[in-house]
Structure formats: C-alpha cells, structure tokens
C-alpha cells in the first residue's frame, strides 16, 4: 500500500475523499473516544467544516482515508475562539494570518501505532503540516488537544507549549489543553528525515 498525502480546501476536496474524512472522524471521535458530537449516517462534521477549512489527509491509491487534519485560520471563526475560549484565561485569543488552528486530527486505529511507536501515516501527517506551514508563511499552529497527544508530541520532539490558563478541560472523557506549536527548526528536525 502506498500512502499519498493530499491537501484540499472545503470547496475543492473530492466528495468521496471528504466523506472518507467524515467517516474516519466518526470512527475516531464518536465511536472510539465517545465524544458527544453530532453525526449522521456514520459521518462526523460540524459548522467549522466550511469555506474557511482546509484539510491535509493521508489516503491510498483507492482513496481510502487513513488520517487527517483540519486547518482553520485564526482570523475567522474557529473552535478555540467560539467553543474553548475559557481555556485561554486572560491570554489574548490568537487572531493572526500566520497562526492556524489545527483540529480533528484523526488516524485510523490500525494505522496509529506500530510496536508502540508512531506510525508512518502519523509522521507523514506531521511532516505535511510542517511543509504546509513553511510554504504558506504560517509561524504557529494552535490546537485544543488531548493530554495524550501533548505527551506524544513531546515524545517525538515536536515543540509545543500550553497556552492560556494551562488548566485541563474535560472533553467527554478526554483531558484537553490548548497547545501552541511554533514552526521552527526543532519542528523540522522532529518530522523531516
């Protein structure tokens, strides 16, 4: 199986690939993590899947989706601003064209780890967001994510730090924090071979 990394925006993503993303998100966030998210017919989507959204995703030559990210500009409506604002405490909300929110990171369970280490698909997705940042003048990613992902990022040496009040928020059964991931040489060395 050859994994292909693709990038599309909400308007240009092929319908079958978009539905594959939504199916994977349903499997990860609704079934596996048991988040109380709206879903219809085994597909998870929300109002942030709109014309401002971009997607970076991994698929094979049959276009089966194995992993994905959603990217949203912080100059518009995004999850940290409208859903998780209280996690920032007294810190200013990011509102900068060089800062992008990452959300809905999902990797198919069978593809997520190999012998306790990060999978090829996971690492290709992180490499892809690094390359995307460099090519588009992005200086930082922000994300509301789980403490498990935070530990994973530290283990693979992707630079990240908590922002806001740094207090854990429970999302379903998931302990969550707001992270900043600066695009720098440390990020490059963590993801580029």
N, C-alpha and C. Protein backbone atom coordinates (compact mmCIF):
# COMPACT_ATOMS: atom_id res chain seq x y z
N UNK A 1 0.85 -1.18 0.00
CA UNK A 1 0.00 0.00 0.00
C UNK A 1 0.89 1.24 0.00
N UNK A 2 0.63 2.15 -0.91
CA UNK A 2 1.35 3.42 -0.95
C UNK A 2 0.45 4.51 -0.38
N UNK A 3 0.97 5.23 0.62
CA UNK A 3 0.22 6.32 1.23
C UNK A 3 0.53 7.61 0.50
N UNK A 4 -0.53 8.34 0.17
CA UNK A 4 -0.43 9.62 -0.52
C UNK A 4 -0.95 10.69 0.43
N UNK A 5 -0.22 11.79 0.57
CA UNK A 5 -0.68 12.92 1.36
C UNK A 5 -1.29 13.94 0.42
N UNK A 6 -2.50 14.37 0.72
CA UNK A 6 -3.20 15.34 -0.10
C UNK A 6 -3.61 16.55 0.73
N UNK A 7 -3.79 17.67 0.05
CA UNK A 7 -4.32 18.87 0.69
C UNK A 7 -5.42 19.42 -0.19
N UNK A 8 -6.55 19.72 0.42
CA UNK A 8 -7.67 20.33 -0.30
C UNK A 8 -8.35 21.31 0.63
N UNK A 9 -9.12 22.20 0.04
CA UNK A 9 -9.98 23.03 0.88
C UNK A 9 -11.41 22.53 0.77
N UNK A 10 -12.29 23.11 1.54
CA UNK A 10 -13.66 22.65 1.62
C UNK A 10 -14.35 22.65 0.26
N UNK A 11 -14.01 23.62 -0.57
CA UNK A 11 -14.65 23.75 -1.88
C UNK A 11 -14.13 22.73 -2.88
N UNK A 12 -12.83 22.42 -2.82
CA UNK A 12 -12.22 21.60 -3.88
C UNK A 12 -12.02 20.13 -3.53
N UNK A 13 -12.23 19.74 -2.28
CA UNK A 13 -11.98 18.34 -1.92
C UNK A 13 -12.98 17.44 -2.66
N UNK A 14 -12.49 16.37 -3.28
CA UNK A 14 -13.41 15.45 -3.95
C UNK A 14 -14.42 14.86 -2.94
N UNK A 15 -15.65 14.72 -3.38
CA UNK A 15 -16.73 14.30 -2.48
C UNK A 15 -16.41 12.97 -1.78
N UNK A 16 -15.89 11.99 -2.51
CA UNK A 16 -15.63 10.68 -1.89
C UNK A 16 -14.52 10.80 -0.83
N UNK A 17 -13.54 11.67 -1.05
CA UNK A 17 -12.48 11.85 -0.05
C UNK A 17 -13.02 12.61 1.16
N UNK A 18 -13.86 13.61 0.93
CA UNK A 18 -14.47 14.34 2.05
C UNK A 18 -15.32 13.39 2.90
N UNK A 19 -16.13 12.55 2.26
CA UNK A 19 -16.93 11.60 3.01
C UNK A 19 -16.04 10.61 3.77
N UNK A 20 -14.92 10.23 3.18
CA UNK A 20 -13.96 9.37 3.87
C UNK A 20 -13.39 10.02 5.11
N UNK A 21 -13.10 11.32 5.03
CA UNK A 21 -12.64 12.07 6.21
C UNK A 21 -13.69 12.05 7.31
N UNK A 22 -14.92 12.34 6.94
CA UNK A 22 -16.00 12.40 7.92
C UNK A 22 -16.26 11.03 8.54
N UNK A 23 -16.12 9.98 7.76
CA UNK A 23 -16.29 8.62 8.28
C UNK A 23 -15.18 8.30 9.27
N UNK A 24 -13.92 8.64 8.93
CA UNK A 24 -12.81 8.40 9.85
C UNK A 24 -13.01 9.20 11.13
N UNK A 25 -13.41 10.46 11.03
CA UNK A 25 -13.65 11.27 12.22
C UNK A 25 -14.75 10.66 13.09
N UNK A 26 -15.78 10.13 12.48
CA UNK A 26 -16.84 9.45 13.24
C UNK A 26 -16.26 8.25 14.00
N UNK A 27 -15.46 7.45 13.30
CA UNK A 27 -14.88 6.27 13.94
C UNK A 27 -13.98 6.66 15.11
N UNK A 28 -13.19 7.73 14.95
CA UNK A 28 -12.25 8.13 16.00
C UNK A 28 -12.95 8.88 17.13
N UNK A 29 -13.68 9.95 16.80
CA UNK A 29 -14.19 10.84 17.84
C UNK A 29 -15.50 10.37 18.47
N UNK A 30 -16.39 9.78 17.68
CA UNK A 30 -17.68 9.34 18.22
C UNK A 30 -17.58 7.93 18.78
N UNK A 31 -17.07 6.98 17.99
CA UNK A 31 -17.03 5.59 18.44
C UNK A 31 -15.89 5.32 19.43
N UNK A 32 -14.65 5.68 19.06
CA UNK A 32 -13.51 5.33 19.91
C UNK A 32 -13.42 6.22 21.14
N UNK A 33 -13.46 7.54 20.96
CA UNK A 33 -13.28 8.46 22.09
C UNK A 33 -14.60 8.77 22.80
N UNK A 34 -15.71 8.45 22.16
CA UNK A 34 -17.05 8.64 22.71
C UNK A 34 -17.35 10.09 23.06
N UNK A 35 -16.90 11.01 22.20
CA UNK A 35 -17.26 12.41 22.36
C UNK A 35 -18.72 12.55 21.91
N UNK A 36 -19.45 13.38 22.57
CA UNK A 36 -20.86 13.60 22.24
C UNK A 36 -21.03 14.55 21.07
N UNK A 37 -20.51 14.17 19.91
CA UNK A 37 -20.57 15.03 18.73
C UNK A 37 -21.74 14.64 17.84
N UNK A 38 -22.27 15.63 17.15
CA UNK A 38 -23.35 15.36 16.20
C UNK A 38 -22.80 14.52 15.05
N UNK A 39 -23.59 13.55 14.65
CA UNK A 39 -23.20 12.73 13.50
C UNK A 39 -24.47 12.23 12.82
N UNK A 40 -24.32 12.00 11.53
CA UNK A 40 -25.44 11.49 10.74
C UNK A 40 -24.90 10.39 9.83
N UNK A 41 -25.54 9.23 9.87
CA UNK A 41 -25.18 8.12 8.98
C UNK A 41 -23.70 7.75 9.05
N UNK A 42 -23.13 7.75 10.27
CA UNK A 42 -21.74 7.35 10.44
C UNK A 42 -20.73 8.37 9.95
N UNK A 43 -21.14 9.65 9.87
CA UNK A 43 -20.26 10.73 9.44
C UNK A 43 -20.27 11.82 10.51
N UNK A 44 -19.08 12.34 10.85
CA UNK A 44 -18.99 13.43 11.84
C UNK A 44 -18.55 14.69 11.14
N UNK A 45 -19.35 15.74 11.27
CA UNK A 45 -18.97 17.05 10.75
C UNK A 45 -19.59 18.11 11.66
N UNK A 46 -19.09 19.33 11.53
CA UNK A 46 -19.64 20.42 12.34
C UNK A 46 -19.61 21.70 11.52
N UNK A 47 -20.01 22.80 12.15
CA UNK A 47 -20.10 24.06 11.41
C UNK A 47 -18.75 24.65 11.04
N UNK A 48 -17.63 24.05 11.50
CA UNK A 48 -16.30 24.52 11.12
C UNK A 48 -15.83 23.86 9.83
N UNK A 49 -16.58 22.90 9.34
CA UNK A 49 -16.34 22.35 8.01
C UNK A 49 -17.08 23.28 7.05
N UNK A 50 -16.37 24.34 6.66
CA UNK A 50 -16.98 25.39 5.84
C UNK A 50 -15.94 25.94 4.87
N UNK A 51 -16.26 27.00 4.18
CA UNK A 51 -15.38 27.52 3.14
C UNK A 51 -14.02 27.98 3.65
N UNK A 52 -13.87 28.19 4.95
CA UNK A 52 -12.57 28.58 5.51
C UNK A 52 -11.67 27.37 5.81
N UNK A 53 -12.23 26.19 5.81
CA UNK A 53 -11.49 24.99 6.21
C UNK A 53 -10.61 24.46 5.10
N UNK A 54 -9.43 23.97 5.51
CA UNK A 54 -8.55 23.21 4.62
C UNK A 54 -8.30 21.86 5.29
N UNK A 55 -7.96 20.87 4.50
CA UNK A 55 -7.74 19.52 5.02
C UNK A 55 -6.42 18.98 4.47
N UNK A 56 -5.66 18.39 5.36
CA UNK A 56 -4.48 17.62 4.96
C UNK A 56 -4.79 16.20 5.39
N UNK A 57 -4.65 15.26 4.46
CA UNK A 57 -5.08 13.90 4.77
C UNK A 57 -4.23 12.87 4.04
N UNK A 58 -4.25 11.67 4.61
CA UNK A 58 -3.49 10.54 4.06
C UNK A 58 -4.48 9.54 3.49
N UNK A 59 -4.20 9.12 2.26
CA UNK A 59 -5.05 8.11 1.63
C UNK A 59 -4.18 7.17 0.81
N UNK A 60 -4.78 6.10 0.35
CA UNK A 60 -4.04 5.20 -0.53
C UNK A 60 -4.53 5.39 -1.96
N UNK A 61 -4.06 4.56 -2.86
CA UNK A 61 -4.42 4.75 -4.27
C UNK A 61 -5.88 4.43 -4.56
N UNK A 62 -6.59 3.82 -3.59
CA UNK A 62 -8.03 3.62 -3.76
C UNK A 62 -8.81 4.76 -3.13
N UNK A 63 -8.10 5.75 -2.58
CA UNK A 63 -8.67 6.94 -1.94
C UNK A 63 -9.30 6.63 -0.59
N UNK A 64 -8.94 5.50 0.02
CA UNK A 64 -9.36 5.24 1.40
C UNK A 64 -8.57 6.18 2.31
N UNK A 65 -9.25 6.82 3.24
CA UNK A 65 -8.63 7.80 4.14
C UNK A 65 -8.12 7.10 5.39
N UNK A 66 -6.84 7.35 5.72
CA UNK A 66 -6.20 6.75 6.89
C UNK A 66 -5.89 7.76 8.00
N UNK A 67 -5.87 9.03 7.67
CA UNK A 67 -5.58 10.05 8.67
C UNK A 67 -5.89 11.43 8.13
N UNK A 68 -6.13 12.38 9.04
CA UNK A 68 -6.48 13.72 8.57
C UNK A 68 -6.25 14.79 9.63
N UNK A 69 -6.17 16.00 9.14
CA UNK A 69 -6.16 17.24 9.92
C UNK A 69 -7.19 18.18 9.31
N UNK A 70 -7.73 19.07 10.12
CA UNK A 70 -8.49 20.22 9.61
C UNK A 70 -7.74 21.48 10.04
N UNK A 71 -7.58 22.42 9.14
CA UNK A 71 -6.87 23.67 9.40
C UNK A 71 -7.83 24.83 9.21
N UNK A 72 -7.85 25.73 10.20
CA UNK A 72 -8.72 26.90 10.14
C UNK A 72 -7.92 28.16 10.46
N UNK A 73 -8.15 29.25 9.72
CA UNK A 73 -7.46 30.50 10.04
C UNK A 73 -7.96 31.07 11.37
N UNK A 74 -7.06 31.68 12.12
CA UNK A 74 -7.46 32.28 13.39
C UNK A 74 -8.01 33.70 13.20
N UNK A 75 -8.10 34.14 11.95
CA UNK A 75 -8.69 35.45 11.67
C UNK A 75 -10.20 35.36 11.48
N UNK A 76 -10.74 34.15 11.54
CA UNK A 76 -12.18 33.96 11.38
C UNK A 76 -12.74 33.18 12.56
N UNK A 77 -13.80 32.47 12.29
CA UNK A 77 -14.45 31.65 13.31
C UNK A 77 -13.72 30.31 13.39
N UNK A 78 -13.27 29.95 14.58
CA UNK A 78 -12.60 28.67 14.78
C UNK A 78 -12.88 28.17 16.18
N UNK A 79 -12.58 26.89 16.44
CA UNK A 79 -13.04 26.24 17.66
C UNK A 79 -12.52 26.88 18.94
N UNK A 80 -11.24 27.22 19.00
CA UNK A 80 -10.70 27.83 20.21
C UNK A 80 -11.43 29.13 20.53
N UNK A 81 -11.74 29.89 19.51
CA UNK A 81 -12.42 31.19 19.72
C UNK A 81 -13.85 31.02 20.20
N UNK A 82 -14.58 30.07 19.64
CA UNK A 82 -16.01 30.03 19.91
C UNK A 82 -16.46 28.92 20.86
N UNK A 83 -15.65 27.88 21.01
CA UNK A 83 -16.05 26.76 21.86
C UNK A 83 -15.20 26.68 23.13
N UNK A 84 -13.90 26.90 23.00
CA UNK A 84 -12.97 26.68 24.10
C UNK A 84 -12.31 27.95 24.60
N UNK A 85 -12.92 29.10 24.38
CA UNK A 85 -12.33 30.38 24.74
C UNK A 85 -11.92 30.45 26.21
N UNK A 86 -12.70 29.85 27.10
CA UNK A 86 -12.39 29.94 28.53
C UNK A 86 -11.06 29.29 28.88
N UNK A 87 -10.57 28.39 28.03
CA UNK A 87 -9.27 27.76 28.30
C UNK A 87 -8.12 28.75 28.19
N UNK A 88 -8.34 29.86 27.51
CA UNK A 88 -7.27 30.85 27.35
C UNK A 88 -7.09 31.73 28.59
N UNK A 89 -8.08 31.74 29.48
CA UNK A 89 -7.96 32.58 30.66
C UNK A 89 -7.81 34.04 30.25
N UNK A 90 -6.75 34.69 30.75
CA UNK A 90 -6.51 36.11 30.46
C UNK A 90 -5.71 36.34 29.18
N UNK A 91 -5.26 35.29 28.54
CA UNK A 91 -4.44 35.43 27.33
C UNK A 91 -5.31 35.87 26.16
N UNK A 92 -4.72 36.71 25.31
CA UNK A 92 -5.42 37.16 24.10
C UNK A 92 -5.67 35.98 23.17
N UNK A 93 -6.81 36.03 22.51
CA UNK A 93 -7.13 34.97 21.56
C UNK A 93 -6.30 35.18 20.28
N UNK A 94 -5.71 34.12 19.77
CA UNK A 94 -4.96 34.26 18.51
C UNK A 94 -5.86 34.80 17.40
N UNK A 95 -5.37 35.81 16.72
CA UNK A 95 -6.09 36.43 15.61
C UNK A 95 -5.03 36.98 14.66
N UNK A 96 -4.43 36.09 13.88
CA UNK A 96 -3.27 36.45 13.08
C UNK A 96 -3.24 35.53 11.87
N UNK A 97 -3.02 36.07 10.67
CA UNK A 97 -2.99 35.21 9.48
C UNK A 97 -1.84 34.21 9.48
N UNK A 98 -0.83 34.40 10.34
CA UNK A 98 0.29 33.45 10.40
C UNK A 98 0.09 32.40 11.48
N UNK A 99 -1.07 32.42 12.15
CA UNK A 99 -1.40 31.41 13.16
C UNK A 99 -2.63 30.66 12.69
N UNK A 100 -2.52 29.34 12.61
CA UNK A 100 -3.61 28.49 12.11
C UNK A 100 -4.01 27.50 13.20
N UNK A 101 -5.32 27.28 13.32
CA UNK A 101 -5.80 26.26 14.26
C UNK A 101 -5.82 24.89 13.58
N UNK A 102 -5.24 23.91 14.26
CA UNK A 102 -5.34 22.51 13.84
C UNK A 102 -6.44 21.86 14.66
N UNK A 103 -7.30 21.12 14.00
CA UNK A 103 -8.34 20.39 14.73
C UNK A 103 -8.66 19.10 13.99
N UNK A 104 -9.44 18.27 14.65
CA UNK A 104 -9.90 17.00 14.10
C UNK A 104 -8.77 16.13 13.55
N UNK A 105 -7.66 16.06 14.31
CA UNK A 105 -6.57 15.15 13.96
C UNK A 105 -7.04 13.74 14.24
N UNK A 106 -7.03 12.91 13.23
CA UNK A 106 -7.51 11.53 13.39
C UNK A 106 -6.65 10.61 12.53
N UNK A 107 -6.34 9.45 13.09
CA UNK A 107 -5.62 8.41 12.35
C UNK A 107 -6.35 7.10 12.62
N UNK A 108 -6.57 6.33 11.56
CA UNK A 108 -7.23 5.03 11.71
C UNK A 108 -6.50 4.22 12.77
N UNK A 109 -7.24 3.57 13.64
CA UNK A 109 -6.65 2.88 14.78
C UNK A 109 -5.58 1.87 14.37
N UNK A 110 -5.83 1.08 13.34
CA UNK A 110 -4.86 0.09 12.90
C UNK A 110 -3.59 0.75 12.36
N UNK A 111 -3.68 2.03 11.99
CA UNK A 111 -2.53 2.73 11.42
C UNK A 111 -1.83 3.64 12.43
N UNK A 112 -2.39 3.80 13.64
CA UNK A 112 -1.90 4.84 14.54
C UNK A 112 -0.59 4.49 15.23
N UNK A 113 -0.35 3.23 15.52
CA UNK A 113 0.93 2.88 16.14
C UNK A 113 1.44 1.57 15.56
N UNK A 114 2.74 1.44 15.63
CA UNK A 114 3.37 0.19 15.22
C UNK A 114 4.37 -0.15 16.32
N UNK A 115 4.10 -1.23 17.04
CA UNK A 115 5.00 -1.66 18.11
C UNK A 115 5.27 -0.54 19.11
N UNK A 116 4.22 0.24 19.43
CA UNK A 116 4.36 1.28 20.44
C UNK A 116 5.03 2.56 19.97
N UNK A 117 5.35 2.67 18.70
CA UNK A 117 5.95 3.90 18.19
C UNK A 117 5.02 4.52 17.16
N UNK A 118 5.29 5.76 16.80
CA UNK A 118 4.41 6.45 15.87
C UNK A 118 4.42 5.77 14.51
N UNK A 119 3.29 5.78 13.87
CA UNK A 119 3.19 5.13 12.57
C UNK A 119 3.71 6.03 11.46
N UNK A 120 3.95 5.41 10.33
CA UNK A 120 4.37 6.14 9.14
C UNK A 120 3.31 7.17 8.76
N UNK A 121 2.05 6.81 8.85
CA UNK A 121 0.97 7.73 8.48
C UNK A 121 0.96 8.94 9.41
N UNK A 122 1.06 8.71 10.70
CA UNK A 122 1.07 9.81 11.66
C UNK A 122 2.23 10.76 11.36
N UNK A 123 3.41 10.22 11.15
CA UNK A 123 4.57 11.06 10.90
C UNK A 123 4.46 11.79 9.56
N UNK A 124 3.87 11.15 8.56
CA UNK A 124 3.68 11.83 7.27
C UNK A 124 2.71 13.00 7.43
N UNK A 125 1.71 12.84 8.28
CA UNK A 125 0.76 13.93 8.51
C UNK A 125 1.44 15.11 9.22
N UNK A 126 2.31 14.81 10.18
CA UNK A 126 3.04 15.89 10.86
C UNK A 126 4.03 16.56 9.91
N UNK A 127 4.68 15.77 9.09
CA UNK A 127 5.59 16.34 8.09
C UNK A 127 4.80 17.24 7.14
N UNK A 128 3.62 16.81 6.75
CA UNK A 128 2.80 17.58 5.81
C UNK A 128 2.37 18.93 6.40
N UNK A 129 2.02 18.96 7.69
CA UNK A 129 1.63 20.26 8.26
C UNK A 129 2.84 21.17 8.40
N UNK A 130 4.03 20.60 8.62
CA UNK A 130 5.24 21.42 8.67
C UNK A 130 5.50 22.04 7.28
N UNK A 131 5.48 21.21 6.25
CA UNK A 131 5.72 21.70 4.89
C UNK A 131 4.66 22.73 4.49
N UNK A 132 3.42 22.46 4.83
CA UNK A 132 2.34 23.41 4.54
C UNK A 132 2.62 24.75 5.22
N UNK A 133 3.05 24.72 6.47
CA UNK A 133 3.34 25.96 7.20
C UNK A 133 4.45 26.74 6.51
N UNK A 134 5.53 26.07 6.16
CA UNK A 134 6.66 26.74 5.51
C UNK A 134 6.22 27.35 4.17
N UNK A 135 5.43 26.61 3.41
CA UNK A 135 5.00 27.08 2.09
C UNK A 135 3.96 28.20 2.13
N UNK A 136 3.31 28.37 3.29
CA UNK A 136 2.22 29.36 3.38
C UNK A 136 2.49 30.45 4.42
N UNK A 137 3.71 30.56 4.90
CA UNK A 137 4.04 31.63 5.84
C UNK A 137 3.41 31.49 7.20
N UNK A 138 3.07 30.26 7.58
CA UNK A 138 2.49 30.02 8.90
C UNK A 138 3.62 29.96 9.92
N UNK A 139 3.48 30.72 11.00
CA UNK A 139 4.52 30.77 12.04
C UNK A 139 4.19 29.89 13.24
N UNK A 140 2.90 29.54 13.37
CA UNK A 140 2.48 28.80 14.57
C UNK A 140 1.15 28.10 14.32
N UNK A 141 1.03 26.93 14.89
CA UNK A 141 -0.27 26.25 14.95
C UNK A 141 -0.75 26.31 16.39
N UNK A 142 -2.06 26.43 16.58
CA UNK A 142 -2.67 26.28 17.89
C UNK A 142 -3.69 25.16 17.79
N UNK A 143 -3.89 24.47 18.90
CA UNK A 143 -4.81 23.35 18.88
C UNK A 143 -5.33 23.06 20.27
N UNK A 144 -6.63 22.79 20.37
CA UNK A 144 -7.18 22.20 21.58
C UNK A 144 -7.05 20.71 21.37
N UNK A 145 -6.28 20.07 22.22
CA UNK A 145 -5.99 18.65 22.01
C UNK A 145 -5.94 17.93 23.34
N UNK A 146 -5.79 16.64 23.27
CA UNK A 146 -5.76 15.83 24.49
C UNK A 146 -4.37 15.87 25.12
N UNK A 147 -4.34 15.59 26.42
CA UNK A 147 -3.04 15.49 27.09
C UNK A 147 -2.26 14.30 26.55
N UNK A 148 -2.94 13.29 26.03
CA UNK A 148 -2.24 12.15 25.41
C UNK A 148 -1.49 12.60 24.16
N UNK A 149 -2.11 13.45 23.34
CA UNK A 149 -1.42 13.97 22.15
C UNK A 149 -0.28 14.88 22.58
N UNK A 150 -0.48 15.66 23.63
CA UNK A 150 0.60 16.50 24.14
C UNK A 150 1.82 15.65 24.52
N UNK A 151 1.58 14.56 25.22
CA UNK A 151 2.70 13.66 25.59
C UNK A 151 3.35 13.06 24.34
N UNK A 152 2.54 12.69 23.36
CA UNK A 152 3.07 12.14 22.11
C UNK A 152 3.96 13.17 21.41
N UNK A 153 3.51 14.41 21.32
CA UNK A 153 4.31 15.46 20.67
C UNK A 153 5.65 15.63 21.36
N UNK A 154 5.64 15.61 22.68
CA UNK A 154 6.90 15.75 23.42
C UNK A 154 7.81 14.54 23.17
N UNK A 155 7.21 13.36 23.08
CA UNK A 155 7.99 12.15 22.85
C UNK A 155 8.68 12.16 21.49
N UNK A 156 8.00 12.69 20.48
CA UNK A 156 8.61 12.74 19.15
C UNK A 156 9.32 14.07 18.90
N UNK A 157 9.39 14.89 19.95
CA UNK A 157 10.19 16.13 19.96
C UNK A 157 9.64 17.25 19.08
N UNK A 158 8.32 17.26 18.88
CA UNK A 158 7.70 18.41 18.21
C UNK A 158 7.52 19.50 19.27
N UNK A 159 8.03 20.70 19.01
CA UNK A 159 7.92 21.76 20.02
C UNK A 159 6.47 22.15 20.26
N UNK A 160 6.10 22.19 21.52
CA UNK A 160 4.75 22.61 21.88
C UNK A 160 4.76 23.12 23.31
N UNK A 161 3.89 24.06 23.58
CA UNK A 161 3.71 24.52 24.94
C UNK A 161 2.26 24.90 25.15
N UNK A 162 1.83 24.76 26.39
CA UNK A 162 0.45 25.11 26.72
C UNK A 162 0.31 26.62 26.73
N UNK A 163 -0.84 27.07 26.26
CA UNK A 163 -1.16 28.49 26.33
C UNK A 163 -2.45 28.65 27.10
N UNK A 164 -2.74 29.87 27.50
CA UNK A 164 -3.94 30.13 28.27
C UNK A 164 -3.69 29.85 29.73
N UNK A 165 -4.74 29.45 30.43
CA UNK A 165 -4.59 29.22 31.87
C UNK A 165 -3.91 27.90 32.18
N UNK A 166 -3.61 27.12 31.15
CA UNK A 166 -2.89 25.85 31.27
C UNK A 166 -3.62 24.83 32.12
N UNK A 167 -4.90 25.02 32.32
CA UNK A 167 -5.65 24.04 33.09
C UNK A 167 -6.34 23.07 32.16
N UNK A 168 -6.41 21.85 32.60
CA UNK A 168 -7.01 20.78 31.82
C UNK A 168 -8.53 20.94 31.81
N UNK A 169 -9.11 20.72 30.66
CA UNK A 169 -10.55 20.78 30.46
C UNK A 169 -11.01 19.40 30.00
N UNK A 170 -12.04 18.90 30.55
CA UNK A 170 -12.53 17.59 30.12
C UNK A 170 -13.47 17.73 28.94
N UNK A 171 -13.15 17.05 27.87
CA UNK A 171 -13.99 16.98 26.69
C UNK A 171 -14.44 15.53 26.58
N UNK A 172 -15.68 15.28 26.95
CA UNK A 172 -16.11 13.89 27.09
C UNK A 172 -15.26 13.28 28.19
N UNK A 173 -14.58 12.20 27.89
CA UNK A 173 -13.67 11.56 28.84
C UNK A 173 -12.22 11.92 28.55
N UNK A 174 -12.00 12.92 27.72
CA UNK A 174 -10.66 13.28 27.27
C UNK A 174 -10.18 14.53 28.01
N UNK A 175 -9.00 14.44 28.61
CA UNK A 175 -8.39 15.61 29.23
C UNK A 175 -7.76 16.44 28.14
N UNK A 176 -8.14 17.71 28.06
CA UNK A 176 -7.72 18.56 26.95
C UNK A 176 -7.01 19.82 27.41
N UNK A 177 -6.12 20.31 26.54
CA UNK A 177 -5.37 21.54 26.78
C UNK A 177 -5.25 22.30 25.46
N UNK A 178 -4.86 23.56 25.56
CA UNK A 178 -4.58 24.36 24.36
C UNK A 178 -3.06 24.38 24.18
N UNK A 179 -2.63 23.98 23.00
CA UNK A 179 -1.20 23.95 22.70
C UNK A 179 -0.85 24.92 21.58
N UNK A 180 0.34 25.48 21.70
CA UNK A 180 0.96 26.24 20.63
C UNK A 180 2.12 25.41 20.09
N UNK A 181 2.20 25.32 18.76
CA UNK A 181 3.30 24.60 18.12
C UNK A 181 3.99 25.56 17.16
N UNK A 182 5.12 26.14 17.58
CA UNK A 182 5.82 27.06 16.69
C UNK A 182 6.49 26.32 15.54
N UNK A 183 6.48 26.95 14.39
CA UNK A 183 7.14 26.37 13.22
C UNK A 183 8.59 26.85 13.25
N UNK A 184 9.48 25.94 13.60
CA UNK A 184 10.88 26.30 13.74
C UNK A 184 11.76 25.10 13.39
N UNK A 185 13.07 25.25 13.59
CA UNK A 185 13.99 24.17 13.25
C UNK A 185 13.74 22.92 14.08
N UNK A 186 13.32 23.06 15.34
CA UNK A 186 13.02 21.89 16.16
C UNK A 186 11.88 21.08 15.55
N UNK A 187 10.86 21.77 15.07
CA UNK A 187 9.74 21.09 14.41
C UNK A 187 10.25 20.38 13.16
N UNK A 188 11.05 21.08 12.38
CA UNK A 188 11.62 20.49 11.16
C UNK A 188 12.39 19.23 11.46
N UNK A 189 13.28 19.28 12.45
CA UNK A 189 14.11 18.12 12.78
C UNK A 189 13.28 16.94 13.32
N UNK A 190 12.15 17.26 13.96
CA UNK A 190 11.31 16.19 14.51
C UNK A 190 10.59 15.42 13.43
N UNK A 191 10.28 16.08 12.32
CA UNK A 191 9.41 15.43 11.32
C UNK A 191 10.08 15.12 9.99
N UNK A 192 11.18 15.76 9.69
CA UNK A 192 11.82 15.56 8.39
C UNK A 192 12.93 14.53 8.52
N UNK A 193 12.97 13.59 7.58
CA UNK A 193 14.01 12.56 7.61
C UNK A 193 15.32 13.09 7.04
